[in-house]
C-alpha atoms as a PDB file:
ATOM      1  CA  UNK A   1       5.071 -28.640 -17.373  1.00  0.00           C
ATOM      2  CA  UNK A   2       5.736 -27.819 -13.755  1.00  0.00           C
ATOM      3  CA  UNK A   3       7.711 -30.630 -12.125  1.00  0.00           C
ATOM      4  CA  UNK A   4       8.577 -29.089  -8.770  1.00  0.00           C
ATOM      5  CA  UNK A   5      12.064 -28.171  -9.894  1.00  0.00           C
ATOM      6  CA  UNK A   6      14.323 -27.924  -6.860  1.00  0.00           C
ATOM      7  CA  UNK A   7      16.194 -24.852  -5.705  1.00  0.00           C
ATOM      8  CA  UNK A   8      19.887 -25.749  -5.890  1.00  0.00           C
ATOM      9  CA  UNK A   9      22.731 -24.789  -3.568  1.00  0.00           C
ATOM     10  CA  UNK A  10      25.922 -26.817  -3.780  1.00  0.00           C
ATOM     11  CA  UNK A  11      28.393 -26.242  -0.945  1.00  0.00           C
ATOM     12  CA  UNK A  12      32.067 -26.628  -1.831  1.00  0.00           C
ATOM     13  CA  UNK A  13      34.656 -28.321   0.384  1.00  0.00           C
ATOM     14  CA  UNK A  14      35.872 -25.041   1.881  1.00  0.00           C
ATOM     15  CA  UNK A  15      32.322 -24.140   2.898  1.00  0.00           C
ATOM     16  CA  UNK A  16      31.750 -27.587   4.382  1.00  0.00           C
ATOM     17  CA  UNK A  17      34.966 -27.237   6.369  1.00  0.00           C
ATOM     18  CA  UNK A  18      33.721 -23.864   7.643  1.00  0.00           C
ATOM     19  CA  UNK A  19      30.457 -25.364   8.920  1.00  0.00           C
ATOM     20  CA  UNK A  20      32.191 -28.464  10.305  1.00  0.00           C
ATOM     21  CA  UNK A  21      34.570 -26.256  12.270  1.00  0.00           C
ATOM     22  CA  UNK A  22      31.659 -24.250  13.676  1.00  0.00           C
ATOM     23  CA  UNK A  23      29.910 -27.517  14.581  1.00  0.00           C
ATOM     24  CA  UNK A  24      32.978 -28.818  16.431  1.00  0.00           C
ATOM     25  CA  UNK A  25      33.875 -25.524  18.131  1.00  0.00           C
ATOM     26  CA  UNK A  26      30.354 -25.248  19.566  1.00  0.00           C
ATOM     27  CA  UNK A  27      30.095 -28.933  20.535  1.00  0.00           C
ATOM     28  CA  UNK A  28      26.887 -29.385  18.586  1.00  0.00           C
ATOM     29  CA  UNK A  29      27.340 -33.152  18.527  1.00  0.00           C
ATOM     30  CA  UNK A  30      25.756 -33.327  21.986  1.00  0.00           C
ATOM     31  CA  UNK A  31      22.326 -32.529  20.515  1.00  0.00           C
ATOM     32  CA  UNK A  32      19.927 -34.839  18.698  1.00  0.00           C
ATOM     33  CA  UNK A  33      18.225 -31.898  16.983  1.00  0.00           C
ATOM     34  CA  UNK A  34      19.479 -28.510  15.860  1.00  0.00           C
ATOM     35  CA  UNK A  35      16.862 -25.813  15.384  1.00  0.00           C
ATOM     36  CA  UNK A  36      17.743 -22.653  13.502  1.00  0.00           C
ATOM     37  CA  UNK A  37      15.824 -19.456  14.201  1.00  0.00           C
ATOM     38  CA  UNK A  38      16.217 -16.761  11.565  1.00  0.00           C
ATOM     39  CA  UNK A  39      15.073 -13.573  13.256  1.00  0.00           C
ATOM     40  CA  UNK A  40      15.289 -11.111  10.392  1.00  0.00           C
ATOM     41  CA  UNK A  41      13.686 -10.065   7.129  1.00  0.00           C
ATOM     42  CA  UNK A  42      15.341  -6.698   6.361  1.00  0.00           C
ATOM     43  CA  UNK A  43      13.863  -3.265   7.014  1.00  0.00           C
ATOM     44  CA  UNK A  44      12.037  -3.323   3.710  1.00  0.00           C
ATOM     45  CA  UNK A  45       9.925  -6.277   4.829  1.00  0.00           C
ATOM     46  CA  UNK A  46       9.770  -5.784   8.578  1.00  0.00           C
ATOM     47  CA  UNK A  47       6.280  -7.301   8.731  1.00  0.00           C
ATOM     48  CA  UNK A  48       7.703 -10.606   7.563  1.00  0.00           C
ATOM     49  CA  UNK A  49       9.367 -10.757  10.966  1.00  0.00           C
ATOM     50  CA  UNK A  50       7.749 -12.361  13.971  1.00  0.00           C
ATOM     51  CA  UNK A  51       7.452 -10.442  17.248  1.00  0.00           C
ATOM     52  CA  UNK A  52      10.508 -10.218  19.531  1.00  0.00           C
ATOM     53  CA  UNK A  53       8.599 -11.517  22.561  1.00  0.00           C
ATOM     54  CA  UNK A  54       7.557 -14.519  20.513  1.00  0.00           C
ATOM     55  CA  UNK A  55      11.183 -15.503  19.942  1.00  0.00           C
ATOM     56  CA  UNK A  56      11.814 -15.246  23.677  1.00  0.00           C
ATOM     57  CA  UNK A  57       8.776 -17.374  24.482  1.00  0.00           C
ATOM     58  CA  UNK A  58       9.734 -20.018  21.937  1.00  0.00           C
ATOM     59  CA  UNK A  59      13.379 -20.213  22.987  1.00  0.00           C
ATOM     60  CA  UNK A  60      12.316 -20.446  26.631  1.00  0.00           C
ATOM     61  CA  UNK A  61      10.250 -23.544  25.826  1.00  0.00           C
ATOM     62  CA  UNK A  62      12.648 -25.244  23.398  1.00  0.00           C
ATOM     63  CA  UNK A  63      15.748 -24.633  25.523  1.00  0.00           C
ATOM     64  CA  UNK A  64      14.279 -26.813  28.264  1.00  0.00           C
ATOM     65  CA  UNK A  65      14.919 -29.794  25.996  1.00  0.00           C
ATOM     66  CA  UNK A  66      18.381 -31.230  26.631  1.00  0.00           C
ATOM     67  CA  UNK A  67      18.343 -32.969  23.239  1.00  0.00           C
ATOM     68  CA  UNK A  68      17.891 -29.774  21.217  1.00  0.00           C
ATOM     69  CA  UNK A  69      20.340 -27.036  20.325  1.00  0.00           C
ATOM     70  CA  UNK A  70      19.190 -23.603  19.150  1.00  0.00           C
ATOM     71  CA  UNK A  71      21.107 -21.610  16.536  1.00  0.00           C
ATOM     72  CA  UNK A  72      20.347 -17.939  15.846  1.00  0.00           C
ATOM     73  CA  UNK A  73      20.653 -16.615  12.291  1.00  0.00           C
ATOM     74  CA  UNK A  74      20.609 -13.094  10.943  1.00  0.00           C
ATOM     75  CA  UNK A  75      22.587 -10.327   9.302  1.00  0.00           C
ATOM     76  CA  UNK A  76      23.822  -6.932  10.438  1.00  0.00           C
ATOM     77  CA  UNK A  77      20.269  -5.718  11.010  1.00  0.00           C
ATOM     78  CA  UNK A  78      19.648  -8.576  13.463  1.00  0.00           C
ATOM     79  CA  UNK A  79      22.914  -8.202  15.390  1.00  0.00           C
ATOM     80  CA  UNK A  80      21.397  -6.382  18.380  1.00  0.00           C
ATOM     81  CA  UNK A  81      18.254  -8.523  18.444  1.00  0.00           C
ATOM     82  CA  UNK A  82      20.259 -11.747  18.453  1.00  0.00           C
ATOM     83  CA  UNK A  83      22.661 -10.423  21.089  1.00  0.00           C
ATOM     84  CA  UNK A  84      19.702  -9.700  23.374  1.00  0.00           C
ATOM     85  CA  UNK A  85      18.420 -13.241  22.880  1.00  0.00           C
ATOM     86  CA  UNK A  86      21.891 -14.670  23.495  1.00  0.00           C
ATOM     87  CA  UNK A  87      22.248 -12.687  26.726  1.00  0.00           C
ATOM     88  CA  UNK A  88      18.853 -13.843  27.959  1.00  0.00           C
ATOM     89  CA  UNK A  89      19.471 -17.459  26.920  1.00  0.00           C
ATOM     90  CA  UNK A  90      23.210 -18.244  27.249  1.00  0.00           C
ATOM     91  CA  UNK A  91      22.715 -21.785  25.942  1.00  0.00           C
ATOM     92  CA  UNK A  92      21.635 -20.436  22.544  1.00  0.00           C
ATOM     93  CA  UNK A  93      24.337 -20.262  19.874  1.00  0.00           C
ATOM     94  CA  UNK A  94      24.574 -17.136  17.734  1.00  0.00           C
ATOM     95  CA  UNK A  95      25.923 -17.987  14.280  1.00  0.00           C
ATOM     96  CA  UNK A  96      27.016 -14.369  13.814  1.00  0.00           C
ATOM     97  CA  UNK A  97      25.828 -11.366  11.836  1.00  0.00           C
ATOM     98  CA  UNK A  98      28.836 -10.817   9.570  1.00  0.00           C
ATOM     99  CA  UNK A  99      28.839 -14.034   7.577  1.00  0.00           C
ATOM    100  CA  UNK A 100      28.928 -13.625   3.828  1.00  0.00           C
ATOM    101  CA  UNK A 101      26.179 -15.237   1.767  1.00  0.00           C
ATOM    102  CA  UNK A 102      27.986 -18.532   1.193  1.00  0.00           C
ATOM    103  CA  UNK A 103      28.979 -18.779   4.863  1.00  0.00           C
ATOM    104  CA  UNK A 104      25.335 -18.192   5.775  1.00  0.00           C
ATOM    105  CA  UNK A 105      24.412 -21.097   3.481  1.00  0.00           C
ATOM    106  CA  UNK A 106      27.060 -23.327   5.076  1.00  0.00           C
ATOM    107  CA  UNK A 107      25.839 -22.554   8.597  1.00  0.00           C
ATOM    108  CA  UNK A 108      22.229 -23.072   7.534  1.00  0.00           C
ATOM    109  CA  UNK A 109      23.241 -26.576   6.470  1.00  0.00           C
ATOM    110  CA  UNK A 110      23.846 -27.431  10.141  1.00  0.00           C
ATOM    111  CA  UNK A 111      20.170 -27.214  11.045  1.00  0.00           C
ATOM    112  CA  UNK A 112      17.618 -29.992  11.182  1.00  0.00           C
ATOM    113  CA  UNK A 113      14.766 -27.473  11.313  1.00  0.00           C
ATOM    114  CA  UNK A 114      14.838 -23.823  10.247  1.00  0.00           C
ATOM    115  CA  UNK A 115      12.219 -21.435  11.617  1.00  0.00           C
ATOM    116  CA  UNK A 116      11.936 -18.330   9.478  1.00  0.00           C
ATOM    117  CA  UNK A 117       9.675 -15.834   7.807  1.00  0.00           C
ATOM    118  CA  UNK A 118       9.308 -15.620   4.035  1.00  0.00           C
ATOM    119  CA  UNK A 119      12.931 -14.597   3.503  1.00  0.00           C
ATOM    120  CA  UNK A 120      16.154 -15.666   1.846  1.00  0.00           C
ATOM    121  CA  UNK A 121      16.721 -18.096   4.730  1.00  0.00           C
ATOM    122  CA  UNK A 122      13.538 -19.922   3.703  1.00  0.00           C
ATOM    123  CA  UNK A 123      14.849 -20.485   0.189  1.00  0.00           C
ATOM    124  CA  UNK A 124      18.372 -21.375   1.333  1.00  0.00           C
ATOM    125  CA  UNK A 125      17.148 -23.934   3.869  1.00  0.00           C
ATOM    126  CA  UNK A 126      14.772 -25.395   1.282  1.00  0.00           C
ATOM    127  CA  UNK A 127      17.591 -25.722  -1.245  1.00  0.00           C
ATOM    128  CA  UNK A 128      19.718 -27.485   1.375  1.00  0.00           C
ATOM    129  CA  UNK A 129      16.897 -30.016   1.936  1.00  0.00           C
ATOM    130  CA  UNK A 130      16.178 -28.875   5.481  1.00  0.00           C
ATOM    131  CA  UNK A 131      12.856 -29.097   7.268  1.00  0.00           C
ATOM    132  CA  UNK A 132      11.414 -25.600   7.427  1.00  0.00           C
ATOM    133  CA  UNK A 133       8.704 -23.972   9.510  1.00  0.00           C
ATOM    134  CA  UNK A 134       7.798 -20.756   7.720  1.00  0.00           C
ATOM    135  CA  UNK A 135       5.702 -17.940   9.178  1.00  0.00           C
ATOM    136  CA  UNK A 136       3.599 -16.167   6.547  1.00  0.00           C
ATOM    137  CA  UNK A 137       1.687 -12.903   6.845  1.00  0.00           C
ATOM    138  CA  UNK A 138       1.944 -10.077   4.305  1.00  0.00           C
ATOM    139  CA  UNK A 139       3.297 -12.271   1.483  1.00  0.00           C
ATOM    140  CA  UNK A 140       1.777 -15.179  -0.401  1.00  0.00           C
ATOM    141  CA  UNK A 141       2.285 -18.667   0.992  1.00  0.00           C
ATOM    142  CA  UNK A 142       0.696 -20.097  -2.178  1.00  0.00           C
ATOM    143  CA  UNK A 143       3.654 -18.952  -4.270  1.00  0.00           C
ATOM    144  CA  UNK A 144       6.088 -21.069  -2.254  1.00  0.00           C
ATOM    145  CA  UNK A 145       6.500 -24.721  -3.227  1.00  0.00           C
ATOM    146  CA  UNK A 146       6.745 -26.786  -0.061  1.00  0.00           C
ATOM    147  CA  UNK A 147       8.640 -29.788  -1.540  1.00  0.00           C
ATOM    148  CA  UNK A 148       7.077 -31.791   1.316  1.00  0.00           C
ATOM    149  CA  UNK A 149       9.662 -30.140   3.587  1.00  0.00           C
ATOM    150  CA  UNK A 150       8.096 -26.786   4.442  1.00  0.00           C
ATOM    151  CA  UNK A 151       5.376 -26.444   7.051  1.00  0.00           C
ATOM    152  CA  UNK A 152       3.521 -23.170   6.626  1.00  0.00           C
ATOM    153  CA  UNK A 153       2.020 -21.238   9.515  1.00  0.00           C
ATOM    154  CA  UNK A 154      -0.646 -18.900   8.175  1.00  0.00           C
ATOM    155  CA  UNK A 155      -2.722 -16.763  10.569  1.00  0.00           C
ATOM    156  CA  UNK A 156      -6.428 -16.210  10.020  1.00  0.00           C
ATOM    157  CA  UNK A 157      -6.877 -12.640   8.841  1.00  0.00           C
ATOM    158  CA  UNK A 158      -8.868 -11.187   5.931  1.00  0.00           C
ATOM    159  CA  UNK A 159      -6.099  -8.900   4.668  1.00  0.00           C
ATOM    160  CA  UNK A 160      -3.304 -11.477   4.265  1.00  0.00           C
ATOM    161  CA  UNK A 161      -1.011 -11.156   1.235  1.00  0.00           C
ATOM    162  CA  UNK A 162      -1.213  -7.367   1.343  1.00  0.00           C
ATOM    163  CA  UNK A 163       2.505  -6.841   0.649  1.00  0.00           C
ATOM    164  CA  UNK A 164       2.326  -3.689   2.776  1.00  0.00           C
ATOM    165  CA  UNK A 165       5.412  -2.186   4.357  1.00  0.00           C
ATOM    166  CA  UNK A 166       3.319  -0.323   6.925  1.00  0.00           C
ATOM    167  CA  UNK A 167       0.320  -1.681   8.800  1.00  0.00           C
ATOM    168  CA  UNK A 168      -2.207  -0.080  11.144  1.00  0.00           C
ATOM    169  CA  UNK A 169      -3.783  -3.321  12.378  1.00  0.00           C
ATOM    170  CA  UNK A 170      -3.305  -4.233  16.033  1.00  0.00           C
ATOM    171  CA  UNK A 171      -2.661  -7.083  16.297  1.00  0.00           C
ATOM    172  CA  UNK A 172      -1.178  -7.495  12.824  1.00  0.00           C
ATOM    173  CA  UNK A 173      -1.029 -10.807  10.982  1.00  0.00           C
ATOM    174  CA  UNK A 174       2.356 -11.850  12.363  1.00  0.00           C
ATOM    175  CA  UNK A 175       1.219 -11.023  15.907  1.00  0.00           C
ATOM    176  CA  UNK A 176      -1.532 -13.616  15.467  1.00  0.00           C
ATOM    177  CA  UNK A 177       1.034 -16.414  15.132  1.00  0.00           C
ATOM    178  CA  UNK A 178       1.333 -17.944  18.575  1.00  0.00           C
ATOM    179  CA  UNK A 179       4.286 -19.643  20.209  1.00  0.00           C
ATOM    180  CA  UNK A 180       2.138 -22.757  20.652  1.00  0.00           C
ATOM    181  CA  UNK A 181       1.499 -22.949  16.888  1.00  0.00           C
ATOM    182  CA  UNK A 182       5.209 -23.024  16.181  1.00  0.00           C
ATOM    183  CA  UNK A 183       6.152 -25.388  19.001  1.00  0.00           C
ATOM    184  CA  UNK A 184       3.472 -27.847  17.937  1.00  0.00           C
ATOM    185  CA  UNK A 185       4.979 -27.907  14.448  1.00  0.00           C
ATOM    186  CA  UNK A 186       8.467 -28.314  15.914  1.00  0.00           C
ATOM    187  CA  UNK A 187       7.340 -31.439  17.772  1.00  0.00           C
ATOM    188  CA  UNK A 188       5.646 -32.835  14.660  1.00  0.00           C
ATOM    189  CA  UNK A 189       8.767 -32.208  12.614  1.00  0.00           C
ATOM    190  CA  UNK A 190      11.009 -33.810  15.221  1.00  0.00           C
ATOM    191  CA  UNK A 191       8.858 -36.935  15.047  1.00  0.00           C
ATOM    192  CA  UNK A 192       9.226 -36.981  11.263  1.00  0.00           C
ATOM    193  CA  UNK A 193      12.992 -36.622  11.503  1.00  0.00           C
ATOM    194  CA  UNK A 194      13.233 -39.382  14.096  1.00  0.00           C
ATOM    195  CA  UNK A 195      11.264 -41.741  11.865  1.00  0.00           C
ATOM    196  CA  UNK A 196      13.412 -40.875   8.857  1.00  0.00           C
ATOM    197  CA  UNK A 197      16.560 -41.589  10.847  1.00  0.00           C
ATOM    198  CA  UNK A 198      15.350 -45.040  11.849  1.00  0.00           C
ATOM    199  CA  UNK A 199      14.935 -45.907   8.161  1.00  0.00           C
ATOM    200  CA  UNK A 200      18.560 -45.090   7.358  1.00  0.00           C
END
């Protein structure tokens, strides 16, 4: 019987030290909330990625909050994209594009909220018990257990879950996800986190 078995990632002490050092070096203790933005999804699944202008719009809004830090995540394929965002928004912290898999996990553990497409970052953040806002388009949101931690943003479009690697629709499904949709979910999630913290 299905019992919502958890995804498991256990960080070792060396990995925790790595993330703690990054936390201290970047003075992340000054923020009440840390939001991770994973900008990639590999060339194979480029339509899992949100639009570049959307990231700029979202960071522009979130960075106005003095209580919130923004961390960029990605691999080698996202290096240039994340550098452009970092140059436009100097207050944003780039976690780097050359981290190995376990280092990526350790840095993901720093976030309170991870914003991502249907990618490895989704599963890693879920395993690390993070709040996740996931943007779905060409892949199936129904196949992802939410564990009461994942908020799913699903655009209204007849051809969703097409699993296509090329698309002729303009706008495509990911283009239909608005900045306001994501920011609204960020605010809702922040409220949830704040309430959970008061119970501790």
